[in-house]
Protein backbone atom coordinates (compact mmCIF):
# COMPACT_ATOMS: atom_id res chain seq x y z
CA MET A 1 65.65 -10.73 -42.22
CA ALA A 2 62.05 -10.02 -43.88
CA GLY A 3 59.32 -10.45 -41.26
CA ARG A 4 56.27 -12.70 -41.93
CA ALA A 5 53.19 -10.91 -42.87
CA GLU A 6 49.90 -11.23 -40.98
CA PRO A 7 46.40 -9.64 -42.30
CA SER A 8 45.07 -7.38 -40.13
CA GLY A 9 42.69 -4.61 -39.86
CA PRO A 10 41.95 -0.85 -38.66
CA ALA A 11 41.46 -2.23 -34.95
CA ALA A 12 45.06 -2.73 -34.76
CA CYS A 13 45.61 0.66 -33.85
CA GLY A 14 44.06 0.24 -30.34
CA GLY A 15 45.69 1.81 -27.34
CA ALA A 16 44.79 5.33 -28.28
CA PRO A 17 41.07 5.74 -27.94
CA GLY A 18 40.93 9.63 -28.29
CA LEU A 19 42.29 9.04 -32.06
CA LEU A 20 38.94 7.07 -33.02
CA PRO A 21 37.51 9.62 -34.83
CA LEU A 22 40.57 10.51 -36.72
CA LEU A 23 41.20 6.81 -37.71
CA LEU A 24 37.94 6.30 -39.12
CA LEU A 25 38.47 9.44 -41.26
CA LEU A 26 41.69 8.24 -42.53
CA LEU A 27 40.31 4.85 -43.06
CA SER A 28 37.49 6.35 -45.18
CA ALA A 29 40.32 8.31 -47.07
CA ALA A 30 42.04 5.13 -47.51
CA ALA A 31 39.07 3.55 -49.10
CA ILE A 32 39.01 6.14 -52.01
CA ILE A 33 42.85 5.63 -52.56
CA PRO A 34 43.64 3.24 -55.52
CA ARG A 35 44.85 -0.13 -54.60
CA GLY A 36 48.58 -0.80 -53.70
CA ASP A 37 49.13 -3.44 -56.41
CA GLY A 38 52.81 -3.99 -56.58
CA GLN A 39 54.00 -2.40 -53.11
CA ASN A 40 56.26 -4.41 -50.71
CA LEU A 41 56.57 -3.58 -47.09
CA VAL A 42 59.93 -4.45 -46.03
CA THR A 43 61.59 -4.99 -42.26
CA GLU A 44 64.40 -6.75 -40.75
CA ASP A 45 64.86 -8.57 -37.12
CA VAL A 46 66.75 -6.59 -34.53
CA THR A 47 69.11 -8.14 -31.98
CA VAL A 48 70.52 -5.67 -29.38
CA VAL A 49 72.62 -5.72 -26.11
CA GLU A 50 70.19 -5.16 -22.94
CA GLY A 51 70.87 -0.89 -22.32
CA ASP A 52 71.77 -0.20 -25.96
CA VAL A 53 69.79 1.26 -28.87
CA ALA A 54 67.27 -0.81 -31.10
CA THR A 55 66.37 0.64 -34.43
CA ILE A 56 62.76 -0.52 -36.48
CA SER A 57 62.53 -0.08 -39.73
CA CYS A 58 59.54 -0.19 -42.03
CA ARG A 59 60.06 0.32 -45.81
CA VAL A 60 58.10 0.27 -48.64
CA LYS A 61 59.07 -0.15 -52.00
CA ASN A 62 57.07 1.20 -54.96
CA SER A 63 55.52 3.40 -52.65
CA ASP A 64 52.15 5.04 -53.38
CA ASP A 65 52.04 7.49 -50.46
CA SER A 66 49.80 4.81 -48.36
CA VAL A 67 49.91 5.40 -44.59
CA ILE A 68 52.77 3.48 -42.60
CA GLN A 69 52.47 2.92 -38.74
CA LEU A 70 54.14 0.66 -36.32
CA LEU A 71 52.69 -1.13 -33.38
CA ASN A 72 54.31 -2.84 -30.39
CA PRO A 73 54.02 -6.42 -29.31
CA ASN A 74 50.69 -5.50 -27.39
CA ARG A 75 49.55 -4.12 -30.60
CA GLN A 76 49.27 -0.42 -29.49
CA THR A 77 50.54 2.03 -32.09
CA ILE A 78 53.96 3.72 -31.63
CA TYR A 79 53.73 5.73 -34.51
CA PHE A 80 51.30 6.65 -37.01
CA ARG A 81 52.98 8.47 -39.95
CA ASP A 82 55.03 10.86 -38.05
CA PHE A 83 52.90 10.92 -35.07
CA ARG A 84 53.39 9.21 -31.46
CA PRO A 85 50.35 8.43 -29.85
CA LEU A 86 52.15 6.09 -27.37
CA LYS A 87 53.43 7.76 -24.37
CA ASP A 88 56.96 6.29 -23.86
CA SER A 89 59.49 8.67 -24.71
CA ARG A 90 62.09 6.00 -25.32
CA PHE A 91 60.66 5.85 -28.65
CA GLN A 92 62.18 8.48 -31.00
CA LEU A 93 61.30 9.22 -34.88
CA VAL A 94 64.39 8.68 -36.85
CA ASN A 95 63.04 9.06 -40.34
CA PHE A 96 59.75 9.60 -41.99
CA SER A 97 58.91 9.67 -45.57
CA ASN A 98 56.40 8.23 -47.94
CA SER A 99 58.77 5.34 -48.19
CA GLU A 100 59.85 4.60 -44.76
CA LEU A 101 58.94 4.76 -41.11
CA ARG A 102 62.34 4.52 -38.83
CA VAL A 103 62.04 4.31 -35.18
CA SER A 104 64.84 4.03 -32.34
CA LEU A 105 64.31 2.42 -28.88
CA THR A 106 66.80 3.53 -26.28
CA ASN A 107 67.72 1.55 -22.93
CA VAL A 108 66.59 -1.57 -24.16
CA SER A 109 65.43 -4.07 -21.57
CA ILE A 110 64.15 -7.85 -21.33
CA SER A 111 60.46 -6.43 -21.33
CA ASP A 112 61.00 -4.86 -24.84
CA GLU A 113 61.67 -8.16 -26.39
CA GLY A 114 59.12 -9.48 -28.91
CA ARG A 115 57.35 -8.89 -32.20
CA TYR A 116 56.90 -5.34 -33.49
CA PHE A 117 54.41 -4.70 -36.38
CA CYS A 118 54.90 -2.60 -39.71
CA GLN A 119 51.34 -1.76 -41.39
CA LEU A 120 50.63 -0.37 -44.64
CA TYR A 121 47.16 0.92 -45.27
CA THR A 122 46.26 -0.48 -48.52
CA ASP A 123 43.32 -2.07 -50.09
CA PRO A 124 43.63 -4.84 -48.74
CA PRO A 125 46.19 -3.47 -46.03
CA GLN A 126 49.46 -5.09 -45.40
CA GLU A 127 51.35 -6.24 -42.42
CA ILE A 128 54.71 -7.69 -41.46
CA TYR A 129 56.44 -8.14 -38.30
CA THR A 130 60.14 -7.75 -36.92
CA THR A 131 61.28 -9.34 -33.59
CA ILE A 132 63.32 -7.72 -31.08
CA THR A 133 65.82 -10.11 -29.28
CA VAL A 134 67.62 -8.50 -26.31
CA LEU A 135 70.91 -10.25 -25.30
CA VAL A 136 71.97 -9.93 -21.52
CA PRO A 137 75.89 -10.32 -20.97
CA PRO A 138 76.80 -12.28 -17.80
CA ARG A 139 76.49 -10.06 -14.62
CA ASN A 140 79.38 -11.73 -12.70
CA LEU A 141 82.52 -14.11 -13.44
CA VAL A 142 83.94 -15.57 -10.37
CA ILE A 143 86.39 -18.37 -10.04
CA ASP A 144 86.34 -20.51 -6.77
CA ILE A 145 89.41 -22.83 -6.04
CA GLN A 146 89.40 -26.00 -3.76
CA LYS A 147 92.73 -25.23 -2.20
CA GLU A 148 94.52 -21.94 -2.12
CA ILE A 149 97.76 -23.82 -1.78
CA ALA A 150 98.36 -27.22 -3.43
CA VAL A 151 101.17 -29.93 -2.98
CA GLU A 152 102.93 -31.23 -5.92
CA GLY A 153 100.74 -34.44 -7.05
CA GLU A 154 97.45 -33.43 -5.66
CA GLU A 155 94.25 -32.97 -7.68
CA ILE A 156 92.62 -29.64 -7.14
CA GLU A 157 88.80 -28.54 -8.14
CA LEU A 158 88.16 -25.18 -9.69
CA ASN A 159 84.62 -24.09 -10.47
CA CYS A 160 83.80 -21.01 -12.60
CA THR A 161 80.28 -19.37 -12.66
CA ALA A 162 78.99 -17.03 -14.74
CA MET A 163 75.24 -15.43 -13.73
CA ALA A 164 72.41 -14.12 -15.03
CA SER A 165 73.18 -14.24 -18.74
CA ARG A 166 70.70 -14.50 -21.99
CA PRO A 167 71.29 -16.79 -23.74
CA ALA A 168 73.25 -18.99 -21.64
CA THR A 169 76.83 -18.73 -21.87
CA THR A 170 79.78 -21.12 -23.00
CA ILE A 171 82.67 -21.15 -20.76
CA ARG A 172 86.25 -22.42 -21.67
CA TRP A 173 89.19 -23.10 -19.53
CA PHE A 174 92.82 -22.23 -20.17
CA LYS A 175 96.25 -23.08 -18.12
CA GLY A 176 98.61 -20.74 -19.39
CA ASN A 177 98.43 -20.87 -22.91
CA LYS A 178 96.73 -24.50 -23.21
CA GLU A 179 93.09 -25.21 -23.41
CA LEU A 180 91.67 -27.46 -20.87
CA THR A 181 88.11 -29.31 -20.58
CA GLY A 182 85.99 -28.82 -17.98
CA LYS A 183 82.25 -30.10 -17.22
CA SER A 184 79.49 -27.30 -17.34
CA GLU A 185 75.81 -27.29 -15.42
CA VAL A 186 72.98 -24.69 -16.71
CA GLU A 187 70.27 -23.33 -14.16
CA GLN A 188 67.49 -21.07 -15.78
CA TRP A 189 65.98 -18.60 -13.75
CA SER A 190 62.97 -16.76 -15.16
CA ASP A 191 64.36 -15.96 -18.38
CA MET A 192 68.09 -15.81 -17.52
CA TYR A 193 70.71 -18.51 -17.35
CA THR A 194 73.26 -19.16 -14.64
CA VAL A 195 76.18 -21.56 -15.92
CA THR A 196 78.86 -23.09 -13.69
CA SER A 197 81.65 -25.23 -14.96
CA ARG A 198 83.85 -27.78 -13.01
CA LEU A 199 87.65 -28.41 -13.79
CA VAL A 200 89.50 -30.98 -11.88
CA LEU A 201 93.41 -30.47 -12.27
CA LYS A 202 96.32 -32.60 -11.21
CA VAL A 203 99.46 -30.29 -10.29
CA GLY A 204 102.98 -30.40 -10.42
CA ARG A 205 105.96 -27.92 -9.64
CA GLU A 206 106.09 -26.56 -13.09
CA ASP A 207 102.59 -25.20 -12.41
CA ASP A 208 103.19 -23.02 -9.58
CA GLY A 209 102.58 -19.33 -10.45
CA VAL A 210 100.92 -20.38 -13.47
CA PRO A 211 97.09 -18.75 -14.18
CA VAL A 212 94.13 -20.72 -14.84
CA ILE A 213 91.66 -18.62 -17.10
CA CYS A 214 88.25 -19.03 -17.24
CA LEU A 215 86.77 -17.07 -20.62
CA VAL A 216 83.22 -16.67 -21.60
CA ASP A 217 82.01 -17.01 -25.07
CA HIS A 218 78.65 -14.93 -25.35
CA PRO A 219 77.34 -12.75 -28.10
CA ALA A 220 76.76 -9.86 -26.00
CA VAL A 221 80.22 -9.33 -24.67
CA LYS A 222 83.87 -10.06 -25.87
CA ASP A 223 86.93 -11.03 -24.04
CA LEU A 224 85.21 -11.60 -20.70
CA GLN A 225 87.21 -13.78 -18.17
CA THR A 226 88.91 -13.97 -15.04
CA GLN A 227 91.93 -16.06 -13.56
CA ARG A 228 93.44 -17.40 -10.51
CA TYR A 229 97.14 -18.20 -10.26
CA LEU A 230 97.98 -21.44 -8.90
CA GLU A 231 100.54 -21.76 -5.62
CA VAL A 232 102.04 -25.29 -5.81
CA MET A 233 104.28 -26.35 -3.17
CA TYR A 234 107.26 -29.01 -4.15
CA LYS A 235 110.23 -31.02 -2.55
CA PRO A 236 113.88 -29.64 -3.16
CA GLN A 237 115.49 -30.45 -6.33
CA VAL A 238 119.28 -30.67 -5.75
CA ARG A 239 122.52 -30.48 -7.93
CA VAL A 240 125.87 -31.17 -7.23
CA SER A 241 128.82 -29.42 -9.25
CA GLN A 242 132.42 -29.61 -9.15
CA ASN A 243 134.14 -26.08 -8.57
CA TYR A 244 137.82 -27.56 -8.32
CA PRO A 245 139.55 -29.08 -10.70
CA VAL A 246 137.35 -27.28 -13.09
CA GLN A 247 138.53 -29.39 -16.19
CA GLY A 248 140.44 -32.65 -16.03
CA LEU A 249 140.54 -35.59 -13.95
CA THR A 250 140.47 -35.86 -9.99
CA ARG A 251 144.14 -37.09 -9.44
CA GLU A 252 146.29 -38.16 -6.14
CA GLY A 253 147.27 -35.36 -4.29
CA GLU A 254 145.13 -32.59 -5.76
CA PRO A 255 142.62 -31.00 -4.11
CA LEU A 256 138.58 -31.16 -4.97
CA GLU A 257 135.93 -28.84 -4.14
CA LEU A 258 132.27 -29.66 -4.53
CA THR A 259 129.17 -27.19 -4.08
CA CYS A 260 125.45 -28.29 -3.51
CA ALA A 261 122.44 -26.36 -4.79
CA ALA A 262 118.75 -27.19 -3.82
CA PHE A 263 115.51 -25.19 -4.78
CA GLY A 264 112.24 -25.84 -3.59
CA LYS A 265 108.79 -24.50 -2.14
CA PRO A 266 109.11 -23.79 0.50
CA GLN A 267 112.93 -23.20 0.19
CA PRO A 268 115.03 -26.06 1.75
CA THR A 269 116.07 -25.30 5.21
CA ASP A 270 118.06 -28.43 6.01
CA MET A 271 121.07 -29.57 3.91
CA ARG A 272 124.11 -31.96 4.38
CA TRP A 273 126.75 -34.12 2.72
CA LEU A 274 127.00 -37.71 3.49
CA ARG A 275 129.32 -40.60 2.26
CA VAL A 276 127.21 -43.60 0.89
CA ASP A 277 127.75 -46.82 2.17
CA ASP A 278 130.93 -45.67 4.16
CA GLU A 279 132.01 -43.15 6.93
CA MET A 280 132.93 -39.70 5.84
CA PRO A 281 136.98 -39.11 5.62
CA GLN A 282 138.01 -37.22 8.60
CA HIS A 283 140.12 -35.01 6.58
CA VAL A 284 136.97 -34.03 4.43
CA VAL A 285 136.02 -30.59 5.40
CA VAL A 286 132.40 -29.46 4.98
CA SER A 287 131.07 -25.83 5.24
CA GLY A 288 127.53 -25.28 4.57
CA SER A 289 126.93 -26.31 1.00
CA ASN A 290 130.33 -27.11 0.10
CA LEU A 291 132.82 -30.22 0.80
CA LEU A 292 136.34 -29.73 0.35
CA ILE A 293 139.21 -32.36 0.22
CA SER A 294 142.84 -30.87 0.24
CA ASN A 295 144.85 -33.91 -0.66
CA LEU A 296 142.91 -36.49 -2.38
CA ASN A 297 143.97 -40.38 -2.15
CA LYS A 298 142.72 -43.44 -3.46
CA THR A 299 141.07 -44.08 0.04
CA ASP A 300 138.70 -41.15 -0.85
CA ASN A 301 136.94 -43.30 -3.80
CA GLY A 302 133.36 -43.43 -3.41
CA THR A 303 129.69 -41.96 -4.03
CA TYR A 304 129.18 -38.65 -2.02
CA ARG A 305 125.52 -37.49 -1.66
CA CYS A 306 123.91 -34.00 -0.91
CA GLU A 307 120.47 -34.14 0.75
CA ALA A 308 118.17 -31.33 1.35
CA SER A 309 114.75 -31.37 2.95
CA ASN A 310 111.64 -28.90 3.40
CA ALA A 311 108.06 -29.04 4.77
CA VAL A 312 107.12 -31.26 1.66
CA GLY A 313 109.74 -33.89 1.35
CA LYS A 314 113.33 -34.48 0.85
CA SER A 315 115.71 -35.39 -2.27
CA HIS A 316 119.28 -35.60 -2.94
CA ALA A 317 122.13 -35.68 -5.81
CA ASP A 318 125.16 -38.09 -6.09
CA TYR A 319 128.79 -37.33 -7.03
CA MET A 320 130.99 -40.42 -7.43
CA LEU A 321 134.76 -39.81 -6.86
CA PHE A 322 137.21 -41.75 -8.50
CA VAL A 323 140.89 -40.82 -7.79
CA TYR A 324 143.37 -41.43 -10.58
CA ASP A 325 147.38 -41.78 -10.34
CA PRO A 326 149.34 -38.52 -10.20
CA PRO A 327 150.62 -37.47 -13.49
CA THR A 328 154.36 -39.08 -14.55
CA THR A 329 157.23 -36.91 -14.80
CA ILE A 330 160.59 -38.02 -16.59
CA PRO A 331 163.78 -36.59 -14.89
CA PRO A 332 166.21 -34.25 -17.32
CA PRO A 333 169.23 -36.10 -18.81
CA THR A 334 172.78 -35.57 -16.93
CA THR A 335 175.49 -36.52 -19.66
CA THR A 336 174.12 -37.59 -22.81
CA THR A 337 171.73 -35.72 -25.19
CA THR A 338 169.69 -37.75 -27.50
CA THR A 339 168.33 -35.91 -30.49
CA THR A 340 165.79 -37.46 -32.57
CA THR A 341 165.42 -36.59 -36.21
CA THR A 342 162.22 -37.41 -37.86
CA ILE A 343 162.71 -38.05 -41.60
CA PRO A 344 159.44 -37.33 -43.83
CA THR A 345 158.34 -40.01 -45.65
CA THR A 346 157.31 -38.62 -49.13
CA ILE A 347 155.05 -41.26 -51.40
CA THR A 348 155.86 -40.70 -55.10
CA ASP A 349 154.32 -42.35 -58.25
CA SER A 350 156.39 -45.00 -60.53
CA ARG A 351 157.39 -42.03 -62.79
CA ALA A 352 159.06 -40.16 -60.17
CA GLY A 353 160.90 -43.35 -59.22
CA GLU A 354 162.21 -44.02 -62.59
CA GLU A 355 163.61 -40.57 -62.81
CA GLY A 356 165.54 -40.86 -59.20
CA ALA A 357 166.97 -44.02 -60.59
CA ILE A 358 168.17 -42.45 -63.95
CA ARG A 359 169.51 -39.56 -61.55
CA SER A 360 171.25 -42.03 -59.50
CA VAL A 361 172.88 -43.54 -62.40
CA ASP A 362 174.07 -40.45 -63.82
CA HIS A 363 175.92 -39.51 -60.58
CA ALA A 364 177.57 -43.11 -59.89
CA VAL A 365 179.25 -42.64 -63.59
CA VAL A 366 180.30 -39.13 -63.22
CA GLY A 367 182.07 -40.16 -59.93
CA GLY A 368 183.86 -43.02 -61.69
CA VAL A 369 185.15 -40.87 -64.25
CA VAL A 370 186.47 -38.43 -61.91
CA ALA A 371 188.07 -41.16 -59.83
CA VAL A 372 189.83 -42.32 -63.20
CA VAL A 373 191.02 -39.14 -63.54
CA VAL A 374 192.17 -38.31 -60.21
CA PHE A 375 194.17 -41.92 -60.27
CA ALA A 376 195.91 -40.92 -63.83
CA MET A 377 196.92 -37.61 -62.05
CA LEU A 378 198.25 -39.49 -59.25
CA CYS A 379 200.18 -41.83 -61.51
CA LEU A 380 201.43 -38.93 -63.58
CA LEU A 381 203.00 -37.33 -60.67
CA ILE A 382 204.75 -40.21 -59.32
CA ILE A 383 206.53 -40.96 -62.63
CA LEU A 384 207.41 -37.11 -63.12
CA GLY A 385 208.60 -37.23 -59.17
CA ARG A 386 210.74 -40.38 -60.14
CA TYR A 387 212.29 -38.74 -62.90
CA PHE A 388 213.17 -35.37 -61.42
CA ALA A 389 214.93 -37.22 -58.61
CA ARG A 390 217.11 -38.98 -61.05
CA HIS A 391 218.27 -36.44 -63.15
CA LYS A 392 218.93 -34.23 -60.01
CA GLY A 393 221.48 -36.99 -58.43
CA THR A 394 223.32 -37.41 -61.73
CA TYR A 395 224.07 -33.37 -61.72
CA PHE A 396 225.44 -33.47 -58.06
CA THR A 397 227.63 -36.29 -58.86
CA HIS A 398 229.50 -34.76 -61.73
CA GLU A 399 229.53 -31.23 -59.63
CA ALA A 400 231.03 -33.10 -56.75
CA LYS A 401 233.42 -35.01 -59.28
CA GLY A 402 237.25 -34.11 -57.97
CA ALA A 403 236.19 -32.20 -55.15
CA ASP A 404 237.55 -34.59 -52.68
CA ASP A 405 241.24 -34.49 -54.19
CA ALA A 406 241.15 -30.78 -54.64
CA ALA A 407 243.45 -28.95 -51.88
CA ASP A 408 241.50 -25.78 -52.08
CA ALA A 409 238.14 -24.68 -53.35
CA ASP A 410 239.37 -22.89 -56.41
CA THR A 411 240.94 -26.36 -57.26
CA ALA A 412 237.61 -28.17 -56.74
CA ILE A 413 235.51 -25.78 -59.12
CA ILE A 414 238.47 -26.42 -61.82
CA ASN A 415 238.12 -30.13 -61.09
CA ALA A 416 234.31 -30.14 -61.02
CA GLU A 417 234.43 -28.51 -64.64
CA GLY A 418 236.71 -31.10 -65.71
CA GLY A 419 240.11 -29.27 -65.01
CA GLN A 420 242.85 -28.88 -67.24
CA ASN A 421 243.79 -32.44 -68.21
CA ASN A 422 240.39 -32.61 -69.67
CA SER A 423 241.20 -29.61 -71.92
CA GLU A 424 244.20 -30.98 -73.02
CA GLU A 425 242.42 -34.61 -73.85
CA LYS A 426 240.20 -32.31 -75.97
CA LYS A 427 242.82 -30.81 -77.40
CA GLU A 428 244.93 -34.17 -78.41
CA TYR A 429 241.39 -35.36 -79.52
CA PHE A 430 240.97 -32.34 -82.02
CA ILE A 431 244.70 -32.29 -83.08
């Protein structure tokens, strides 16, 4: 940023009385130097953190070898060309030429803040100033907490103080990753500022062990923060779980095992089982956090409660028991075994039905034809049987004819064949 020009004369070199004759000589020489028309004197403001190094630069555009000098806020000459009249070793020459005078100031303090003047001896003389601003980071950052240990549901107050900064700092609050809003107050002491921010926070069990962070926004420092971890006490959290049966219903005659778990801060020291609105059955066994019923029956129905307590308070969890009937078993058959066959049902379209009907008609026709053929064959067999039976009886009659009157077997055979009489008859017939 360019400084604003102010007219000034040679008296600006005050603070070095022994150099007055030399300065008068130089001013006389400057009187005969051609006018510095078109020359521009340029500089920038400087912002520096306390203790760091500030660099001041006086530059000339279109230089004609005119003399450049640098003066402090008290208008004492720091450098005249490359000569340092001021006895302050913190000022060191960085660069000197016809177009620039650059000077560094080490270990900057608040007292160094102000306007510094660049002068160019032309006709008329030119002068601009640059401002050095000194930043001071907070000296200390502290969080004070109203209660070191809070109880769930309480409101606590936290204060964060950033001391002796310049300019005044901005304080931001965070709980974990969530930003919160506090209320700040600023106090000024001389050139320094002290800022205090107040935060009111209602805590719960989820805040236990969570950091509350005080963070500083200041141009002189980055990532300056401090934090405090919350410690919150809360009453127990109770949970009842069923160990057995792992899955399925609680049935009559079967066992039941329950477990009670409790977590709190401080850790619960007192834990007990009870039956809501009724007495605990005598056959129920309680061992620490476990409850066991070895043989369930329907008189055990009801609500069983596990209670746990600590210094903050008492909590409970309930388990509702309903005992179901035992599973029904079917005895095995003794004499008769029934087999059930399931016939799958097939859904077909109309064309498939028509084809099935046609196939049924064909089978009926074929069956009728086969029946007629079989019937005809049976009739034929009967007729043939009767025929053969009739002829077989006639043969036996002729064969036995005359056998009854024969005296012996040979005579019977002759008689069966017709005998001699038959021969004679035949002979007589032919004669």
